[in-house]
Amino acid sequence: MKSWPKIDGPLNDYVDDNWLREPPLRRRLREETATLPRAGMQISAHQGQQIELLARAIGARRAVEVGTFTGYSSLCIAGALPPDGKLWCCDVSTDYTKVARRYWKEAGLDSRIELTIGPALGTLDWLLAQGLTGQLDLAFIDANKDDYDAYYERCLKLVRPGGLVLIDNVLWGGSVADPAEVDRDTQALRALNTKLKDDRRIDLALLAVGDGMTCALKR
């Protein structure tokens, strides 16, 4: 039996009514982001809720996010950390992250978040050079797909055994299953998906939320 239900129409409304817990501030951010260019890069409210729950479940204190955009996922992660927790955010856009900074401050979470503007690979290498190998609890990857494998390898080094690496957009709108799709992003995602299936460094699951999110638990 197939295990992936199609959730739309009345069933979608039922799921929202019975499972979605979205604070008003996050809803405002989601609605503001919907008016901006490239709004489709924002994660869904359900996905943010799942990320927050996973962070709480593993008792996350330190985390890294590759790709911040307007800050929805970072609000979810930082909100799950203790007051002395730390989230390192990586992004290349000052314009979109200006929105994020506004909401971090309003949520009272700005002291937990350190944003670096620049290529994420450099930021991740810097974190490793600071002696943070095996010291982080959670990593969330949601940026340019070409570098997903490189992001994954660095994040896997950064998280501790029992830590999580979450990877967004792994279904890529269904393109990964369409042989006719041969663009670089799709091929990069296919290659990583295939690699992770046999990666014995992790336990693996797919969370069928948003555009598909890989959940890798470091052994």
C-alpha atoms as a PDB file:
ATOM      1  CA  MET A   1       0.000   0.000   0.000  1.00  0.00           C
ATOM      2  CA  LYS A   2       1.250   3.479  -0.841  1.00  0.00           C
ATOM      3  CA  SER A   3       2.015   5.583   2.212  1.00  0.00           C
ATOM      4  CA  TRP A   4       1.727   9.121   0.826  1.00  0.00           C
ATOM      5  CA  PRO A   5      -1.769  10.636   1.079  1.00  0.00           C
ATOM      6  CA  LYS A   6      -2.794  13.524  -1.136  1.00  0.00           C
ATOM      7  CA  ILE A   7      -3.778  16.406   1.101  1.00  0.00           C
ATOM      8  CA  ASP A   8      -5.801  19.145  -0.574  1.00  0.00           C
ATOM      9  CA  GLY A   9      -9.290  20.636  -0.570  1.00  0.00           C
ATOM     10  CA  PRO A  10     -11.360  19.877   2.540  1.00  0.00           C
ATOM     11  CA  LEU A  11      -8.696  17.512   3.867  1.00  0.00           C
ATOM     12  CA  ASN A  12      -6.146  20.340   3.744  1.00  0.00           C
ATOM     13  CA  ASP A  13      -8.522  22.531   5.758  1.00  0.00           C
ATOM     14  CA  TYR A  14      -9.010  19.681   8.239  1.00  0.00           C
ATOM     15  CA  VAL A  15      -5.245  19.318   8.692  1.00  0.00           C
ATOM     16  CA  ASP A  16      -4.875  23.053   9.254  1.00  0.00           C
ATOM     17  CA  ASP A  17      -7.738  23.079  11.750  1.00  0.00           C
ATOM     18  CA  ASN A  18      -6.448  20.127  13.761  1.00  0.00           C
ATOM     19  CA  TRP A  19      -2.661  20.229  13.571  1.00  0.00           C
ATOM     20  CA  LEU A  20      -1.432  23.699  12.662  1.00  0.00           C
ATOM     21  CA  ARG A  21      -0.279  25.922  15.513  1.00  0.00           C
ATOM     22  CA  GLU A  22       1.034  29.108  13.961  1.00  0.00           C
ATOM     23  CA  PRO A  23       1.746  32.085  16.252  1.00  0.00           C
ATOM     24  CA  PRO A  24       0.383  35.420  14.967  1.00  0.00           C
ATOM     25  CA  LEU A  25       3.876  36.841  14.418  1.00  0.00           C
ATOM     26  CA  ARG A  26       4.862  33.974  12.146  1.00  0.00           C
ATOM     27  CA  ARG A  27       1.610  34.291  10.261  1.00  0.00           C
ATOM     28  CA  ARG A  28       2.326  37.981   9.665  1.00  0.00           C
ATOM     29  CA  LEU A  29       5.792  37.144   8.386  1.00  0.00           C
ATOM     30  CA  ARG A  30       4.383  34.506   6.048  1.00  0.00           C
ATOM     31  CA  GLU A  31       1.788  36.937   4.740  1.00  0.00           C
ATOM     32  CA  GLU A  32       4.355  39.708   4.233  1.00  0.00           C
ATOM     33  CA  THR A  33       6.722  37.353   2.457  1.00  0.00           C
ATOM     34  CA  ALA A  34       3.918  36.267   0.126  1.00  0.00           C
ATOM     35  CA  THR A  35       3.945  39.799  -1.337  1.00  0.00           C
ATOM     36  CA  LEU A  36       7.674  39.739  -2.155  1.00  0.00           C
ATOM     37  CA  PRO A  37       9.545  38.479  -5.225  1.00  0.00           C
ATOM     38  CA  ARG A  38      10.563  34.814  -4.952  1.00  0.00           C
ATOM     39  CA  ALA A  39       7.942  34.281  -2.237  1.00  0.00           C
ATOM     40  CA  GLY A  40       7.842  30.595  -3.172  1.00  0.00           C
ATOM     41  CA  MET A  41      11.152  30.087  -1.367  1.00  0.00           C
ATOM     42  CA  GLN A  42       9.400  30.431   1.992  1.00  0.00           C
ATOM     43  CA  ILE A  43       8.771  27.191   3.860  1.00  0.00           C
ATOM     44  CA  SER A  44       5.225  26.261   4.803  1.00  0.00           C
ATOM     45  CA  ALA A  45       3.780  26.824   8.249  1.00  0.00           C
ATOM     46  CA  HIS A  46       3.443  23.065   8.776  1.00  0.00           C
ATOM     47  CA  GLN A  47       7.077  22.539   7.849  1.00  0.00           C
ATOM     48  CA  GLY A  48       8.193  25.220  10.284  1.00  0.00           C
ATOM     49  CA  GLN A  49       6.154  23.557  13.012  1.00  0.00           C
ATOM     50  CA  GLN A  50       7.793  20.206  12.273  1.00  0.00           C
ATOM     51  CA  ILE A  51      11.277  21.726  12.353  1.00  0.00           C
ATOM     52  CA  GLU A  52      10.544  23.378  15.696  1.00  0.00           C
ATOM     53  CA  LEU A  53       9.195  20.137  17.162  1.00  0.00           C
ATOM     54  CA  LEU A  54      12.270  18.193  15.995  1.00  0.00           C
ATOM     55  CA  ALA A  55      14.582  20.809  17.499  1.00  0.00           C
ATOM     56  CA  ARG A  56      12.753  20.562  20.832  1.00  0.00           C
ATOM     57  CA  ALA A  57      12.682  16.760  20.697  1.00  0.00           C
ATOM     58  CA  ILE A  58      16.484  16.515  20.523  1.00  0.00           C
ATOM     59  CA  GLY A  59      17.002  19.282  23.073  1.00  0.00           C
ATOM     60  CA  ALA A  60      18.783  21.480  20.550  1.00  0.00           C
ATOM     61  CA  ARG A  61      20.967  24.270  21.944  1.00  0.00           C
ATOM     62  CA  ARG A  62      23.091  25.146  18.941  1.00  0.00           C
ATOM     63  CA  ALA A  63      22.084  25.051  15.296  1.00  0.00           C
ATOM     64  CA  VAL A  64      22.988  26.286  11.841  1.00  0.00           C
ATOM     65  CA  GLU A  65      20.737  27.311   8.971  1.00  0.00           C
ATOM     66  CA  VAL A  66      21.896  27.448   5.356  1.00  0.00           C
ATOM     67  CA  GLY A  67      19.525  29.801   3.568  1.00  0.00           C
ATOM     68  CA  THR A  68      17.530  32.223   5.712  1.00  0.00           C
ATOM     69  CA  PHE A  69      15.436  34.249   3.233  1.00  0.00           C
ATOM     70  CA  THR A  70      12.920  36.317   5.255  1.00  0.00           C
ATOM     71  CA  GLY A  71      13.386  34.355   8.435  1.00  0.00           C
ATOM     72  CA  TYR A  72      10.449  32.000   8.897  1.00  0.00           C
ATOM     73  CA  SER A  73      12.498  28.853   9.520  1.00  0.00           C
ATOM     74  CA  SER A  74      14.948  30.718  11.737  1.00  0.00           C
ATOM     75  CA  LEU A  75      12.080  31.914  13.933  1.00  0.00           C
ATOM     76  CA  CYS A  76      11.012  28.281  14.321  1.00  0.00           C
ATOM     77  CA  ILE A  77      14.500  27.024  15.134  1.00  0.00           C
ATOM     78  CA  ALA A  78      15.549  29.872  17.423  1.00  0.00           C
ATOM     79  CA  GLY A  79      12.227  29.695  19.230  1.00  0.00           C
ATOM     80  CA  ALA A  80      12.969  26.076  20.135  1.00  0.00           C
ATOM     81  CA  LEU A  81      16.378  26.880  21.618  1.00  0.00           C
ATOM     82  CA  PRO A  82      16.950  27.779  25.283  1.00  0.00           C
ATOM     83  CA  PRO A  83      17.641  31.455  26.136  1.00  0.00           C
ATOM     84  CA  ASP A  84      21.399  30.860  25.906  1.00  0.00           C
ATOM     85  CA  GLY A  85      21.093  28.908  22.652  1.00  0.00           C
ATOM     86  CA  LYS A  86      22.696  29.945  19.374  1.00  0.00           C
ATOM     87  CA  LEU A  87      21.602  29.776  15.742  1.00  0.00           C
ATOM     88  CA  TRP A  88      24.086  30.640  13.015  1.00  0.00           C
ATOM     89  CA  CYS A  89      22.312  31.788   9.841  1.00  0.00           C
ATOM     90  CA  CYS A  90      23.899  31.881   6.384  1.00  0.00           C
ATOM     91  CA  ASP A  91      22.496  33.909   3.493  1.00  0.00           C
ATOM     92  CA  VAL A  92      23.677  36.054   0.592  1.00  0.00           C
ATOM     93  CA  SER A  93      20.842  38.615   0.585  1.00  0.00           C
ATOM     94  CA  THR A  94      20.800  41.730   2.719  1.00  0.00           C
ATOM     95  CA  ASP A  95      17.366  42.730   1.387  1.00  0.00           C
ATOM     96  CA  TYR A  96      15.462  39.605   2.369  1.00  0.00           C
ATOM     97  CA  THR A  97      17.298  39.201   5.667  1.00  0.00           C
ATOM     98  CA  LYS A  98      16.368  42.766   6.632  1.00  0.00           C
ATOM     99  CA  VAL A  99      12.839  41.406   6.918  1.00  0.00           C
ATOM    100  CA  ALA A 100      14.133  38.500   9.001  1.00  0.00           C
ATOM    101  CA  ARG A 101      15.989  40.818  11.387  1.00  0.00           C
ATOM    102  CA  ARG A 102      12.793  42.804  12.001  1.00  0.00           C
ATOM    103  CA  TYR A 103      10.859  39.705  13.015  1.00  0.00           C
ATOM    104  CA  TRP A 104      13.713  38.257  15.077  1.00  0.00           C
ATOM    105  CA  LYS A 105      13.770  41.456  17.103  1.00  0.00           C
ATOM    106  CA  GLU A 106      10.001  41.566  17.527  1.00  0.00           C
ATOM    107  CA  ALA A 107      10.010  37.939  18.683  1.00  0.00           C
ATOM    108  CA  GLY A 108      12.781  38.660  21.187  1.00  0.00           C
ATOM    109  CA  LEU A 109      15.028  36.098  19.526  1.00  0.00           C
ATOM    110  CA  ASP A 110      17.649  38.335  17.911  1.00  0.00           C
ATOM    111  CA  SER A 111      20.158  37.690  20.714  1.00  0.00           C
ATOM    112  CA  ARG A 112      20.134  33.963  19.846  1.00  0.00           C
ATOM    113  CA  ILE A 113      20.803  34.476  16.129  1.00  0.00           C
ATOM    114  CA  GLU A 114      24.042  35.348  14.342  1.00  0.00           C
ATOM    115  CA  LEU A 115      23.610  36.126  10.646  1.00  0.00           C
ATOM    116  CA  THR A 116      26.522  36.061   8.207  1.00  0.00           C
ATOM    117  CA  ILE A 117      26.017  37.536   4.744  1.00  0.00           C
ATOM    118  CA  GLY A 118      28.135  35.702   2.192  1.00  0.00           C
ATOM    119  CA  PRO A 119      28.578  32.288   0.574  1.00  0.00           C
ATOM    120  CA  ALA A 120      27.455  29.665   3.076  1.00  0.00           C
ATOM    121  CA  LEU A 121      30.330  27.292   2.371  1.00  0.00           C
ATOM    122  CA  GLY A 122      32.723  29.899   3.725  1.00  0.00           C
ATOM    123  CA  THR A 123      30.616  30.361   6.855  1.00  0.00           C
ATOM    124  CA  LEU A 124      30.384  26.618   7.453  1.00  0.00           C
ATOM    125  CA  ASP A 125      34.147  26.256   6.991  1.00  0.00           C
ATOM    126  CA  TRP A 126      34.621  29.091   9.493  1.00  0.00           C
ATOM    127  CA  LEU A 127      32.421  27.303  12.043  1.00  0.00           C
ATOM    128  CA  LEU A 128      34.481  24.156  11.605  1.00  0.00           C
ATOM    129  CA  ALA A 129      37.673  26.165  12.033  1.00  0.00           C
ATOM    130  CA  GLN A 130      36.299  27.541  15.320  1.00  0.00           C
ATOM    131  CA  GLY A 131      36.333  24.033  16.772  1.00  0.00           C
ATOM    132  CA  LEU A 132      32.611  23.381  16.422  1.00  0.00           C
ATOM    133  CA  THR A 133      33.006  19.981  14.785  1.00  0.00           C
ATOM    134  CA  GLY A 134      30.475  17.661  16.431  1.00  0.00           C
ATOM    135  CA  GLN A 135      29.177  20.481  18.649  1.00  0.00           C
ATOM    136  CA  LEU A 136      25.916  21.478  16.956  1.00  0.00           C
ATOM    137  CA  ASP A 137      22.566  19.783  17.442  1.00  0.00           C
ATOM    138  CA  LEU A 138      20.704  20.648  14.260  1.00  0.00           C
ATOM    139  CA  ALA A 139      21.317  21.904  10.726  1.00  0.00           C
ATOM    140  CA  PHE A 140      18.694  23.052   8.225  1.00  0.00           C
ATOM    141  CA  ILE A 141      19.686  23.297   4.554  1.00  0.00           C
ATOM    142  CA  ASP A 142      17.513  25.349   2.193  1.00  0.00           C
ATOM    143  CA  ALA A 143      19.669  27.257  -0.301  1.00  0.00           C
ATOM    144  CA  ASN A 144      21.121  26.843  -3.809  1.00  0.00           C
ATOM    145  CA  LYS A 145      20.794  23.236  -4.873  1.00  0.00           C
ATOM    146  CA  ASP A 146      24.141  23.006  -6.698  1.00  0.00           C
ATOM    147  CA  ASP A 147      25.953  23.102  -3.368  1.00  0.00           C
ATOM    148  CA  TYR A 148      23.606  20.837  -1.420  1.00  0.00           C
ATOM    149  CA  ASP A 149      26.095  17.981  -1.226  1.00  0.00           C
ATOM    150  CA  ALA A 150      28.859  20.292   0.022  1.00  0.00           C
ATOM    151  CA  TYR A 151      26.486  21.837   2.571  1.00  0.00           C
ATOM    152  CA  TYR A 152      25.453  18.378   3.740  1.00  0.00           C
ATOM    153  CA  GLU A 153      29.015  17.179   4.247  1.00  0.00           C
ATOM    154  CA  ARG A 154      29.974  20.225   6.284  1.00  0.00           C
ATOM    155  CA  CYS A 155      26.775  20.169   8.334  1.00  0.00           C
ATOM    156  CA  LEU A 156      27.234  16.482   9.065  1.00  0.00           C
ATOM    157  CA  LYS A 157      30.661  17.305  10.480  1.00  0.00           C
ATOM    158  CA  LEU A 158      29.208  20.106  12.586  1.00  0.00           C
ATOM    159  CA  VAL A 159      26.364  18.162  14.213  1.00  0.00           C
ATOM    160  CA  ARG A 160      26.907  15.746  17.081  1.00  0.00           C
ATOM    161  CA  PRO A 161      25.944  12.064  17.048  1.00  0.00           C
ATOM    162  CA  GLY A 162      22.201  12.124  17.636  1.00  0.00           C
ATOM    163  CA  GLY A 163      21.962  15.494  15.904  1.00  0.00           C
ATOM    164  CA  LEU A 164      19.787  16.190  12.875  1.00  0.00           C
ATOM    165  CA  VAL A 165      20.488  17.459   9.382  1.00  0.00           C
ATOM    166  CA  LEU A 166      17.268  18.595   7.675  1.00  0.00           C
ATOM    167  CA  ILE A 167      17.340  19.179   3.909  1.00  0.00           C
ATOM    168  CA  ASP A 168      14.523  21.005   2.127  1.00  0.00           C
ATOM    169  CA  ASN A 169      13.163  20.696  -1.442  1.00  0.00           C
ATOM    170  CA  VAL A 170      14.343  17.136  -1.961  1.00  0.00           C
ATOM    171  CA  LEU A 171      11.313  16.290  -4.149  1.00  0.00           C
ATOM    172  CA  TRP A 172      11.718  19.479  -6.215  1.00  0.00           C
ATOM    173  CA  GLY A 173       8.119  19.625  -7.351  1.00  0.00           C
ATOM    174  CA  GLY A 174       8.345  16.070  -8.658  1.00  0.00           C
ATOM    175  CA  SER A 175      11.183  16.853 -11.063  1.00  0.00           C
ATOM    176  CA  VAL A 176      13.545  14.379  -9.374  1.00  0.00           C
ATOM    177  CA  ALA A 177      11.324  11.539 -10.605  1.00  0.00           C
ATOM    178  CA  ASP A 178      11.027  12.845 -14.166  1.00  0.00           C
ATOM    179  CA  PRO A 179      13.837  11.586 -16.453  1.00  0.00           C
ATOM    180  CA  ALA A 180      13.132  14.449 -18.852  1.00  0.00           C
ATOM    181  CA  GLU A 181      14.265  16.969 -16.232  1.00  0.00           C
ATOM    182  CA  VAL A 182      18.030  17.321 -16.571  1.00  0.00           C
ATOM    183  CA  ASP A 183      18.760  20.826 -15.260  1.00  0.00           C
ATOM    184  CA  ARG A 184      21.620  21.239 -12.793  1.00  0.00           C
ATOM    185  CA  ASP A 185      19.438  21.727  -9.718  1.00  0.00           C
ATOM    186  CA  THR A 186      17.403  18.595 -10.390  1.00  0.00           C
ATOM    187  CA  GLN A 187      20.485  16.512 -11.084  1.00  0.00           C
ATOM    188  CA  ALA A 188      22.183  17.765  -7.925  1.00  0.00           C
ATOM    189  CA  LEU A 189      19.155  16.820  -5.839  1.00  0.00           C
ATOM    190  CA  ARG A 190      18.887  13.391  -7.453  1.00  0.00           C
ATOM    191  CA  ALA A 191      22.552  12.709  -6.777  1.00  0.00           C
ATOM    192  CA  LEU A 192      22.253  13.698  -3.123  1.00  0.00           C
ATOM    193  CA  ASN A 193      19.059  11.704  -2.618  1.00  0.00           C
ATOM    194  CA  THR A 194      20.759   8.616  -4.056  1.00  0.00           C
ATOM    195  CA  LYS A 195      23.854   9.181  -1.929  1.00  0.00           C
ATOM    196  CA  LEU A 196      21.897   9.540   1.303  1.00  0.00           C
ATOM    197  CA  LYS A 197      19.997   6.288   0.722  1.00  0.00           C
ATOM    198  CA  ASP A 198      23.238   4.363   1.258  1.00  0.00           C
ATOM    199  CA  ASP A 199      24.988   6.715   3.678  1.00  0.00           C
ATOM    200  CA  ARG A 200      25.716   4.596   6.750  1.00  0.00           C
ATOM    201  CA  ARG A 201      26.688   7.637   8.781  1.00  0.00           C
ATOM    202  CA  ILE A 202      23.010   8.496   9.238  1.00  0.00           C
ATOM    203  CA  ASP A 203      19.545   7.133   9.892  1.00  0.00           C
ATOM    204  CA  LEU A 204      17.219   8.440   7.211  1.00  0.00           C
ATOM    205  CA  ALA A 205      13.592   9.401   6.656  1.00  0.00           C
ATOM    206  CA  LEU A 206      11.596  11.588   4.280  1.00  0.00           C
ATOM    207  CA  LEU A 207       9.090  14.016   5.767  1.00  0.00           C
ATOM    208  CA  ALA A 208       6.420  14.578   3.117  1.00  0.00           C
ATOM    209  CA  VAL A 209       5.819  18.229   3.943  1.00  0.00           C
ATOM    210  CA  GLY A 210       6.229  21.260   1.707  1.00  0.00           C
ATOM    211  CA  ASP A 211       8.476  20.224  -1.187  1.00  0.00           C
ATOM    212  CA  GLY A 212       9.811  17.203   0.691  1.00  0.00           C
ATOM    213  CA  MET A 213      12.269  17.388   3.598  1.00  0.00           C
ATOM    214  CA  THR A 214      14.970  14.842   4.312  1.00  0.00           C
ATOM    215  CA  CYS A 215      15.569  14.084   7.980  1.00  0.00           C
ATOM    216  CA  ALA A 216      19.029  12.634   8.624  1.00  0.00           C
ATOM    217  CA  LEU A 217      19.942  11.559  12.162  1.00  0.00           C
ATOM    218  CA  LYS A 218      23.713  11.352  12.637  1.00  0.00           C
ATOM    219  CA  ARG A 219      24.829   8.012  14.059  1.00  0.00           C
END
